Amino acid sequence: MSLISAKVQSLGLAKFPSVVSELLPYTETSLSSMDIIKLGAKMLTSNITTLEQERFPMDGYSEGKTIDKVWYLVADMKSTITQLHNFIYKDIK
């Protein structure tokens, strides 16, 4: 995400809508393209240079399991949902 953010910032605000149009077909989101453009424009004009990142599920809240010869990372979804909520809305890791 940091590299994507840096690349978009290097392109500038004028090219941002075309980048969104190009990438949107490869994403799944509940945001409209206009919402993404508005949020991205706010980020670009705010001079944000770093992104806080975390991996979910967090360590200790998942385990690897082989099911029908396929390896899966099986997460404790209740804990993961709480952790995501706390990370996004309460700034808690």
PDB file of N, CA and C in Angstrom:
ATOM      1  N   MET A   1       0.820  -1.185   0.000  1.00  0.00           N
ATOM      2  CA  MET A   1       0.000   0.000   0.000  1.00  0.00           C
ATOM      3  C   MET A   1       0.867   1.252   0.000  1.00  0.00           C
ATOM      4  N   SER A   2       1.977   1.203   0.712  1.00  0.00           N
ATOM      5  CA  SER A   2       2.865   2.368   0.750  1.00  0.00           C
ATOM      6  C   SER A   2       3.419   2.686  -0.633  1.00  0.00           C
ATOM      7  N   LEU A   3       3.787   1.644  -1.371  1.00  0.00           N
ATOM      8  CA  LEU A   3       4.322   1.864  -2.716  1.00  0.00           C
ATOM      9  C   LEU A   3       3.248   2.403  -3.664  1.00  0.00           C
ATOM     10  N   ILE A   4       2.038   1.893  -3.531  1.00  0.00           N
ATOM     11  CA  ILE A   4       0.936   2.396  -4.358  1.00  0.00           C
ATOM     12  C   ILE A   4       0.681   3.859  -4.034  1.00  0.00           C
ATOM     13  N   SER A   5       0.648   4.188  -2.750  1.00  0.00           N
ATOM     14  CA  SER A   5       0.427   5.570  -2.326  1.00  0.00           C
ATOM     15  C   SER A   5       1.513   6.494  -2.884  1.00  0.00           C
ATOM     16  N   ALA A   6       2.769   6.071  -2.781  1.00  0.00           N
ATOM     17  CA  ALA A   6       3.879   6.883  -3.285  1.00  0.00           C
ATOM     18  C   ALA A   6       3.782   7.071  -4.802  1.00  0.00           C
ATOM     19  N   LYS A   7       3.414   6.009  -5.510  1.00  0.00           N
ATOM     20  CA  LYS A   7       3.296   6.097  -6.967  1.00  0.00           C
ATOM     21  C   LYS A   7       2.182   7.057  -7.366  1.00  0.00           C
ATOM     22  N   VAL A   8       1.024   6.948  -6.702  1.00  0.00           N
ATOM     23  CA  VAL A   8      -0.098   7.839  -7.008  1.00  0.00           C
ATOM     24  C   VAL A   8       0.269   9.279  -6.687  1.00  0.00           C
ATOM     25  N   GLN A   9       0.951   9.506  -5.570  1.00  0.00           N
ATOM     26  CA  GLN A   9       1.359  10.868  -5.222  1.00  0.00           C
ATOM     27  C   GLN A   9       2.322  11.426  -6.254  1.00  0.00           C
ATOM     28  N   SER A  10       3.189  10.577  -6.795  1.00  0.00           N
ATOM     29  CA  SER A  10       4.148  11.062  -7.787  1.00  0.00           C
ATOM     30  C   SER A  10       3.455  11.446  -9.105  1.00  0.00           C
ATOM     31  N   LEU A  11       2.316  10.818  -9.386  1.00  0.00           N
ATOM     32  CA  LEU A  11       1.572  11.146 -10.605  1.00  0.00           C
ATOM     33  C   LEU A  11       0.836  12.478 -10.482  1.00  0.00           C
ATOM     34  N   GLY A  12       0.430  12.807  -9.269  1.00  0.00           N
ATOM     35  CA  GLY A  12      -0.253  14.077  -9.040  1.00  0.00           C
ATOM     36  C   GLY A  12      -1.767  13.974  -9.089  1.00  0.00           C
ATOM     37  N   LEU A  13      -2.401  15.005  -8.609  1.00  0.00           N
ATOM     38  CA  LEU A  13      -3.850  15.072  -8.476  1.00  0.00           C
ATOM     39  C   LEU A  13      -4.573  15.006  -9.826  1.00  0.00           C
ATOM     40  N   ALA A  14      -4.018  15.612 -10.846  1.00  0.00           N
ATOM     41  CA  ALA A  14      -4.676  15.654 -12.159  1.00  0.00           C
ATOM     42  C   ALA A  14      -4.845  14.269 -12.773  1.00  0.00           C
ATOM     43  N   LYS A  15      -3.900  13.372 -12.539  1.00  0.00           N
ATOM     44  CA  LYS A  15      -3.967  12.034 -13.126  1.00  0.00           C
ATOM     45  C   LYS A  15      -4.693  11.026 -12.232  1.00  0.00           C
ATOM     46  N   PHE A  16      -5.023  11.421 -11.013  1.00  0.00           N
ATOM     47  CA  PHE A  16      -5.634  10.496 -10.061  1.00  0.00           C
ATOM     48  C   PHE A  16      -6.947   9.881 -10.560  1.00  0.00           C
ATOM     49  N   PRO A  17      -7.890  10.652 -11.104  1.00  0.00           N
ATOM     50  CA  PRO A  17      -9.136  10.037 -11.592  1.00  0.00           C
ATOM     51  C   PRO A  17      -8.918   8.953 -12.644  1.00  0.00           C
ATOM     52  N   SER A  18      -7.948   9.149 -13.529  1.00  0.00           N
ATOM     53  CA  SER A  18      -7.698   8.118 -14.546  1.00  0.00           C
ATOM     54  C   SER A  18      -7.078   6.871 -13.919  1.00  0.00           C
ATOM     55  N   VAL A  19      -6.269   7.041 -12.872  1.00  0.00           N
ATOM     56  CA  VAL A  19      -5.697   5.893 -12.162  1.00  0.00           C
ATOM     57  C   VAL A  19      -6.818   5.098 -11.502  1.00  0.00           C
ATOM     58  N   VAL A  20      -7.756   5.800 -10.869  1.00  0.00           N
ATOM     59  CA  VAL A  20      -8.899   5.128 -10.236  1.00  0.00           C
ATOM     60  C   VAL A  20      -9.688   4.346 -11.284  1.00  0.00           C
ATOM     61  N   SER A  21      -9.969   4.969 -12.413  1.00  0.00           N
ATOM     62  CA  SER A  21     -10.723   4.301 -13.485  1.00  0.00           C
ATOM     63  C   SER A  21     -10.007   3.059 -13.986  1.00  0.00           C
ATOM     64  N   GLU A  22      -8.688   3.122 -14.025  1.00  0.00           N
ATOM     65  CA  GLU A  22      -7.904   1.991 -14.514  1.00  0.00           C
ATOM     66  C   GLU A  22      -7.865   0.847 -13.499  1.00  0.00           C
ATOM     67  N   LEU A  23      -7.796   1.165 -12.209  1.00  0.00           N
ATOM     68  CA  LEU A  23      -7.658   0.136 -11.175  1.00  0.00           C
ATOM     69  C   LEU A  23      -8.981  -0.406 -10.651  1.00  0.00           C
ATOM     70  N   LEU A  24     -10.046   0.366 -10.738  1.00  0.00           N
ATOM     71  CA  LEU A  24     -11.322  -0.019 -10.153  1.00  0.00           C
ATOM     72  C   LEU A  24     -11.853  -1.375 -10.643  1.00  0.00           C
ATOM     73  N   PRO A  25     -11.684  -1.731 -11.907  1.00  0.00           N
ATOM     74  CA  PRO A  25     -12.176  -3.047 -12.338  1.00  0.00           C
ATOM     75  C   PRO A  25     -11.498  -4.228 -11.627  1.00  0.00           C
ATOM     76  N   TYR A  26     -10.349  -3.983 -11.004  1.00  0.00           N
ATOM     77  CA  TYR A  26      -9.605  -5.047 -10.327  1.00  0.00           C
ATOM     78  C   TYR A  26      -9.849  -5.072  -8.825  1.00  0.00           C
ATOM     79  N   THR A  27     -10.809  -4.291  -8.360  1.00  0.00           N
ATOM     80  CA  THR A  27     -11.079  -4.209  -6.933  1.00  0.00           C
ATOM     81  C   THR A  27     -12.541  -4.516  -6.629  1.00  0.00           C
ATOM     82  N   GLU A  28     -12.789  -4.845  -5.377  1.00  0.00           N
ATOM     83  CA  GLU A  28     -14.158  -5.021  -4.905  1.00  0.00           C
ATOM     84  C   GLU A  28     -14.320  -4.109  -3.696  1.00  0.00           C
ATOM     85  N   THR A  29     -15.260  -3.179  -3.787  1.00  0.00           N
ATOM     86  CA  THR A  29     -15.467  -2.214  -2.725  1.00  0.00           C
ATOM     87  C   THR A  29     -16.902  -1.726  -2.739  1.00  0.00           C
ATOM     88  N   SER A  30     -17.345  -1.224  -1.594  1.00  0.00           N
ATOM     89  CA  SER A  30     -18.683  -0.637  -1.524  1.00  0.00           C
ATOM     90  C   SER A  30     -18.631   0.860  -1.830  1.00  0.00           C
ATOM     91  N   LEU A  31     -17.427   1.398  -2.018  1.00  0.00           N
ATOM     92  CA  LEU A  31     -17.278   2.815  -2.342  1.00  0.00           C
ATOM     93  C   LEU A  31     -17.507   3.044  -3.832  1.00  0.00           C
ATOM     94  N   SER A  32     -18.116   4.159  -4.145  1.00  0.00           N
ATOM     95  CA  SER A  32     -18.266   4.521  -5.559  1.00  0.00           C
ATOM     96  C   SER A  32     -16.939   5.092  -6.056  1.00  0.00           C
ATOM     97  N   SER A  33     -16.787   5.150  -7.366  1.00  0.00           N
ATOM     98  CA  SER A  33     -15.548   5.722  -7.911  1.00  0.00           C
ATOM     99  C   SER A  33     -15.407   7.181  -7.479  1.00  0.00           C
ATOM    100  N   MET A  34     -16.519   7.911  -7.381  1.00  0.00           N
ATOM    101  CA  MET A  34     -16.451   9.307  -6.942  1.00  0.00           C
ATOM    102  C   MET A  34     -16.008   9.401  -5.484  1.00  0.00           C
ATOM    103  N   ASP A  35     -16.477   8.495  -4.630  1.00  0.00           N
ATOM    104  CA  ASP A  35     -16.029   8.478  -3.229  1.00  0.00           C
ATOM    105  C   ASP A  35     -14.529   8.219  -3.144  1.00  0.00           C
ATOM    106  N   ILE A  36     -14.045   7.291  -3.951  1.00  0.00           N
ATOM    107  CA  ILE A  36     -12.614   6.978  -3.961  1.00  0.00           C
ATOM    108  C   ILE A  36     -11.815   8.182  -4.438  1.00  0.00           C
ATOM    109  N   ILE A  37     -12.288   8.844  -5.467  1.00  0.00           N
ATOM    110  CA  ILE A  37     -11.592  10.030  -5.982  1.00  0.00           C
ATOM    111  C   ILE A  37     -11.566  11.132  -4.937  1.00  0.00           C
ATOM    112  N   LYS A  38     -12.679  11.354  -4.240  1.00  0.00           N
ATOM    113  CA  LYS A  38     -12.717  12.387  -3.194  1.00  0.00           C
ATOM    114  C   LYS A  38     -11.750  12.066  -2.054  1.00  0.00           C
ATOM    115  N   LEU A  39     -11.759  10.805  -1.597  1.00  0.00           N
ATOM    116  CA  LEU A  39     -10.843  10.409  -0.525  1.00  0.00           C
ATOM    117  C   LEU A  39      -9.387  10.506  -0.975  1.00  0.00           C
ATOM    118  N   GLY A  40      -9.120  10.059  -2.189  1.00  0.00           N
ATOM    119  CA  GLY A  40      -7.754  10.125  -2.719  1.00  0.00           C
ATOM    120  C   GLY A  40      -7.275  11.548  -2.884  1.00  0.00           C
ATOM    121  N   ALA A  41      -8.151  12.418  -3.358  1.00  0.00           N
ATOM    122  CA  ALA A  41      -7.781  13.829  -3.513  1.00  0.00           C
ATOM    123  C   ALA A  41      -7.464  14.439  -2.155  1.00  0.00           C
ATOM    124  N   LYS A  42      -8.247  14.069  -1.146  1.00  0.00           N
ATOM    125  CA  LYS A  42      -7.984  14.571   0.214  1.00  0.00           C
ATOM    126  C   LYS A  42      -6.615  14.093   0.705  1.00  0.00           C
ATOM    127  N   MET A  43      -6.306  12.815   0.435  1.00  0.00           N
ATOM    128  CA  MET A  43      -5.003  12.277   0.832  1.00  0.00           C
ATOM    129  C   MET A  43      -3.873  12.985   0.093  1.00  0.00           C
ATOM    130  N   LEU A  44      -4.043  13.170  -1.213  1.00  0.00           N
ATOM    131  CA  LEU A  44      -2.998  13.802  -2.016  1.00  0.00           C
ATOM    132  C   LEU A  44      -2.744  15.243  -1.600  1.00  0.00           C
ATOM    133  N   THR A  45      -3.778  15.968  -1.248  1.00  0.00           N
ATOM    134  CA  THR A  45      -3.608  17.371  -0.857  1.00  0.00           C
ATOM    135  C   THR A  45      -3.209  17.521   0.604  1.00  0.00           C
ATOM    136  N   SER A  46      -3.279  16.421   1.383  1.00  0.00           N
ATOM    137  CA  SER A  46      -2.900  16.470   2.801  1.00  0.00           C
ATOM    138  C   SER A  46      -1.416  16.219   3.010  1.00  0.00           C
ATOM    139  N   ASN A  47      -0.709  15.850   1.941  1.00  0.00           N
ATOM    140  CA  ASN A  47       0.721  15.517   2.017  1.00  0.00           C
ATOM    141  C   ASN A  47       1.004  14.391   3.001  1.00  0.00           C
ATOM    142  N   ILE A  48       0.116  13.409   3.047  1.00  0.00           N
ATOM    143  CA  ILE A  48       0.344  12.233   3.876  1.00  0.00           C
ATOM    144  C   ILE A  48       1.435  11.404   3.207  1.00  0.00           C
ATOM    145  N   THR A  49       2.482  11.089   3.957  1.00  0.00           N
ATOM    146  CA  THR A  49       3.605  10.361   3.366  1.00  0.00           C
ATOM    147  C   THR A  49       3.763   8.959   3.941  1.00  0.00           C
ATOM    148  N   THR A  50       3.053   8.644   5.012  1.00  0.00           N
ATOM    149  CA  THR A  50       3.157   7.307   5.590  1.00  0.00           C
ATOM    150  C   THR A  50       1.765   6.734   5.826  1.00  0.00           C
ATOM    151  N   LEU A  51       1.682   5.436   5.764  1.00  0.00           N
ATOM    152  CA  LEU A  51       0.444   4.728   6.057  1.00  0.00           C
ATOM    153  C   LEU A  51       0.703   3.785   7.220  1.00  0.00           C
ATOM    154  N   GLU A  52      -0.202   3.771   8.170  1.00  0.00           N
ATOM    155  CA  GLU A  52      -0.085   2.809   9.263  1.00  0.00           C
ATOM    156  C   GLU A  52      -0.659   1.495   8.772  1.00  0.00           C
ATOM    157  N   GLN A  53       0.074   0.407   9.011  1.00  0.00           N
ATOM    158  CA  GLN A  53      -0.334  -0.880   8.488  1.00  0.00           C
ATOM    159  C   GLN A  53      -0.389  -1.929   9.588  1.00  0.00           C
ATOM    160  N   GLU A  54      -1.211  -2.922   9.367  1.00  0.00           N
ATOM    161  CA  GLU A  54      -1.311  -4.067  10.267  1.00  0.00           C
ATOM    162  C   GLU A  54      -1.755  -5.253   9.432  1.00  0.00           C
ATOM    163  N   ARG A  55      -1.428  -6.436   9.869  1.00  0.00           N
ATOM    164  CA  ARG A  55      -1.842  -7.653   9.177  1.00  0.00           C
ATOM    165  C   ARG A  55      -2.950  -8.317   9.976  1.00  0.00           C
ATOM    166  N   PHE A  56      -4.014  -8.689   9.277  1.00  0.00           N
ATOM    167  CA  PHE A  56      -5.119  -9.382   9.914  1.00  0.00           C
ATOM    168  C   PHE A  56      -5.351 -10.698   9.192  1.00  0.00           C
ATOM    169  N   PRO A  57      -5.597 -11.777   9.907  1.00  0.00           N
ATOM    170  CA  PRO A  57      -5.703 -11.872  11.352  1.00  0.00           C
ATOM    171  C   PRO A  57      -4.334 -11.681  12.010  1.00  0.00           C
ATOM    172  N   MET A  58      -4.349 -11.112  13.202  1.00  0.00           N
ATOM    173  CA  MET A  58      -3.110 -10.891  13.942  1.00  0.00           C
ATOM    174  C   MET A  58      -2.543 -12.234  14.401  1.00  0.00           C
ATOM    175  N   ASP A  59      -1.234 -12.237  14.676  1.00  0.00           N
ATOM    176  CA  ASP A  59      -0.579 -13.453  15.154  1.00  0.00           C
ATOM    177  C   ASP A  59      -1.310 -13.988  16.381  1.00  0.00           C
ATOM    178  N   GLY A  60      -1.488 -15.288  16.422  1.00  0.00           N
ATOM    179  CA  GLY A  60      -2.134 -15.935  17.558  1.00  0.00           C
ATOM    180  C   GLY A  60      -3.640 -16.073  17.402  1.00  0.00           C
ATOM    181  N   TYR A  61      -4.198 -15.505  16.338  1.00  0.00           N
ATOM    182  CA  TYR A  61      -5.648 -15.568  16.137  1.00  0.00           C
ATOM    183  C   TYR A  61      -6.017 -16.330  14.868  1.00  0.00           C
ATOM    184  N   SER A  62      -5.102 -17.182  14.433  1.00  0.00           N
ATOM    185  CA  SER A  62      -5.364 -18.010  13.257  1.00  0.00           C
ATOM    186  C   SER A  62      -4.445 -19.217  13.293  1.00  0.00           C
ATOM    187  N   GLU A  63      -4.780 -20.194  12.481  1.00  0.00           N
ATOM    188  CA  GLU A  63      -3.911 -21.358  12.357  1.00  0.00           C
ATOM    189  C   GLU A  63      -4.027 -21.917  10.947  1.00  0.00           C
ATOM    190  N   GLY A  64      -2.952 -22.497  10.484  1.00  0.00           N
ATOM    191  CA  GLY A  64      -2.955 -23.119   9.178  1.00  0.00           C
ATOM    192  C   GLY A  64      -3.554 -24.506   9.258  1.00  0.00           C
ATOM    193  N   LYS A  65      -4.441 -24.802   8.319  1.00  0.00           N
ATOM    194  CA  LYS A  65      -5.062 -26.127   8.268  1.00  0.00           C
ATOM    195  C   LYS A  65      -5.093 -26.599   6.821  1.00  0.00           C
ATOM    196  N   THR A  66      -4.859 -27.905   6.633  1.00  0.00           N
ATOM    197  CA  THR A  66      -5.006 -28.494   5.319  1.00  0.00           C
ATOM    198  C   THR A  66      -6.366 -29.167   5.257  1.00  0.00           C
ATOM    199  N   ILE A  67      -7.183 -28.727   4.316  1.00  0.00           N
ATOM    200  CA  ILE A  67      -8.524 -29.271   4.135  1.00  0.00           C
ATOM    201  C   ILE A  67      -8.620 -29.740   2.687  1.00  0.00           C
ATOM    202  N   ASP A  68      -8.896 -31.023   2.499  1.00  0.00           N
ATOM    203  CA  ASP A  68      -8.965 -31.610   1.152  1.00  0.00           C
ATOM    204  C   ASP A  68      -7.719 -31.289   0.319  1.00  0.00           C
ATOM    205  N   LYS A  69      -6.558 -31.430   0.949  1.00  0.00           N
ATOM    206  CA  LYS A  69      -5.247 -31.236   0.321  1.00  0.00           C
ATOM    207  C   LYS A  69      -4.955 -29.780  -0.083  1.00  0.00           C
ATOM    208  N   VAL A  70      -5.722 -28.851   0.467  1.00  0.00           N
ATOM    209  CA  VAL A  70      -5.486 -27.420   0.226  1.00  0.00           C
ATOM    210  C   VAL A  70      -5.209 -26.764   1.573  1.00  0.00           C
ATOM    211  N   TRP A  71      -4.143 -25.946   1.627  1.00  0.00           N
ATOM    212  CA  TRP A  71      -3.777 -25.268   2.870  1.00  0.00           C
ATOM    213  C   TRP A  71      -4.568 -23.976   2.995  1.00  0.00           C
ATOM    214  N   TYR A  72      -5.169 -23.755   4.161  1.00  0.00           N
ATOM    215  CA  TYR A  72      -5.942 -22.552   4.445  1.00  0.00           C
ATOM    216  C   TYR A  72      -5.432 -21.913   5.733  1.00  0.00           C
ATOM    217  N   LEU A  73      -5.527 -20.600   5.797  1.00  0.00           N
ATOM    218  CA  LEU A  73      -5.294 -19.890   7.048  1.00  0.00           C
ATOM    219  C   LEU A  73      -6.672 -19.660   7.643  1.00  0.00           C
ATOM    220  N   VAL A  74      -6.968 -20.359   8.714  1.00  0.00           N
ATOM    221  CA  VAL A  74      -8.281 -20.293   9.347  1.00  0.00           C
ATOM    222  C   VAL A  74      -8.193 -19.317  10.510  1.00  0.00           C
ATOM    223  N   ALA A  75      -8.995 -18.259  10.434  1.00  0.00           N
ATOM    224  CA  ALA A  75      -8.929 -17.180  11.420  1.00  0.00           C
ATOM    225  C   ALA A  75     -10.064 -17.271  12.420  1.00  0.00           C
ATOM    226  N   ASP A  76      -9.794 -16.756  13.613  1.00  0.00           N
ATOM    227  CA  ASP A  76     -10.838 -16.533  14.615  1.00  0.00           C
ATOM    228  C   ASP A  76     -11.541 -15.246  14.186  1.00  0.00           C
ATOM    229  N   MET A  77     -12.645 -15.402  13.452  1.00  0.00           N
ATOM    230  CA  MET A  77     -13.290 -14.247  12.828  1.00  0.00           C
ATOM    231  C   MET A  77     -13.857 -13.253  13.840  1.00  0.00           C
ATOM    232  N   LYS A  78     -14.384 -13.722  14.953  1.00  0.00           N
ATOM    233  CA  LYS A  78     -14.937 -12.801  15.948  1.00  0.00           C
ATOM    234  C   LYS A  78     -13.827 -11.879  16.478  1.00  0.00           C
ATOM    235  N   SER A  79     -12.685 -12.451  16.809  1.00  0.00           N
ATOM    236  CA  SER A  79     -11.555 -11.645  17.289  1.00  0.00           C
ATOM    237  C   SER A  79     -11.010 -10.740  16.193  1.00  0.00           C
ATOM    238  N   THR A  80     -10.929 -11.254  14.975  1.00  0.00           N
ATOM    239  CA  THR A  80     -10.397 -10.473  13.864  1.00  0.00           C
ATOM    240  C   THR A  80     -11.290  -9.278  13.558  1.00  0.00           C
ATOM    241  N   ILE A  81     -12.596  -9.464  13.596  1.00  0.00           N
ATOM    242  CA  ILE A  81     -13.519  -8.348  13.370  1.00  0.00           C
ATOM    243  C   ILE A  81     -13.328  -7.280  14.443  1.00  0.00           C
ATOM    244  N   THR A  82     -13.206  -7.700  15.689  1.00  0.00           N
ATOM    245  CA  THR A  82     -12.977  -6.752  16.788  1.00  0.00           C
ATOM    246  C   THR A  82     -11.654  -6.022  16.599  1.00  0.00           C
ATOM    247  N   GLN A  83     -10.600  -6.754  16.220  1.00  0.00           N
ATOM    248  CA  GLN A  83      -9.289  -6.143  16.014  1.00  0.00           C
ATOM    249  C   GLN A  83      -9.325  -5.127  14.874  1.00  0.00           C
ATOM    250  N   LEU A  84      -9.982  -5.470  13.771  1.00  0.00           N
ATOM    251  CA  LEU A  84     -10.108  -4.531  12.650  1.00  0.00           C
ATOM    252  C   LEU A  84     -10.847  -3.266  13.075  1.00  0.00           C
ATOM    253  N   HIS A  85     -11.938  -3.447  13.785  1.00  0.00           N
ATOM    254  CA  HIS A  85     -12.718  -2.297  14.253  1.00  0.00           C
ATOM    255  C   HIS A  85     -11.862  -1.397  15.155  1.00  0.00           C
ATOM    256  N   ASN A  86     -11.156  -2.020  16.094  1.00  0.00           N
ATOM    257  CA  ASN A  86     -10.312  -1.241  17.005  1.00  0.00           C
ATOM    258  C   ASN A  86      -9.185  -0.526  16.265  1.00  0.00           C
ATOM    259  N   PHE A  87      -8.592  -1.171  15.271  1.00  0.00           N
ATOM    260  CA  PHE A  87      -7.503  -0.571  14.504  1.00  0.00           C
ATOM    261  C   PHE A  87      -8.001   0.625  13.696  1.00  0.00           C
ATOM    262  N   ILE A  88      -9.144   0.457  13.044  1.00  0.00           N
ATOM    263  CA  ILE A  88      -9.653   1.522  12.169  1.00  0.00           C
ATOM    264  C   ILE A  88     -10.282   2.660  12.950  1.00  0.00           C
ATOM    265  N   TYR A  89     -11.138   2.338  13.903  1.00  0.00           N
ATOM    266  CA  TYR A  89     -11.948   3.368  14.540  1.00  0.00           C
ATOM    267  C   TYR A  89     -11.448   3.851  15.904  1.00  0.00           C
ATOM    268  N   LYS A  90     -10.647   3.036  16.582  1.00  0.00           N
ATOM    269  CA  LYS A  90     -10.198   3.413  17.926  1.00  0.00           C
ATOM    270  C   LYS A  90      -8.689   3.581  18.022  1.00  0.00           C
ATOM    271  N   ASP A  91      -7.973   3.363  16.901  1.00  0.00           N
ATOM    272  CA  ASP A  91      -6.517   3.491  16.854  1.00  0.00           C
ATOM    273  C   ASP A  91      -5.841   2.597  17.894  1.00  0.00           C
ATOM    274  N   ILE A  92      -6.379   1.387  18.055  1.00  0.00           N
ATOM    275  CA  ILE A  92      -5.841   0.406  19.003  1.00  0.00           C
ATOM    276  C   ILE A  92      -5.258  -0.747  18.205  1.00  0.00           C
ATOM    277  N   LYS A  93      -4.027  -1.150  18.556  1.00  0.00           N
ATOM    278  CA  LYS A  93      -3.413  -2.325  17.902  1.00  0.00           C
ATOM    279  C   LYS A  93      -3.576  -3.530  18.769  1.00  0.00           C
TER     280      LYS A  93
END
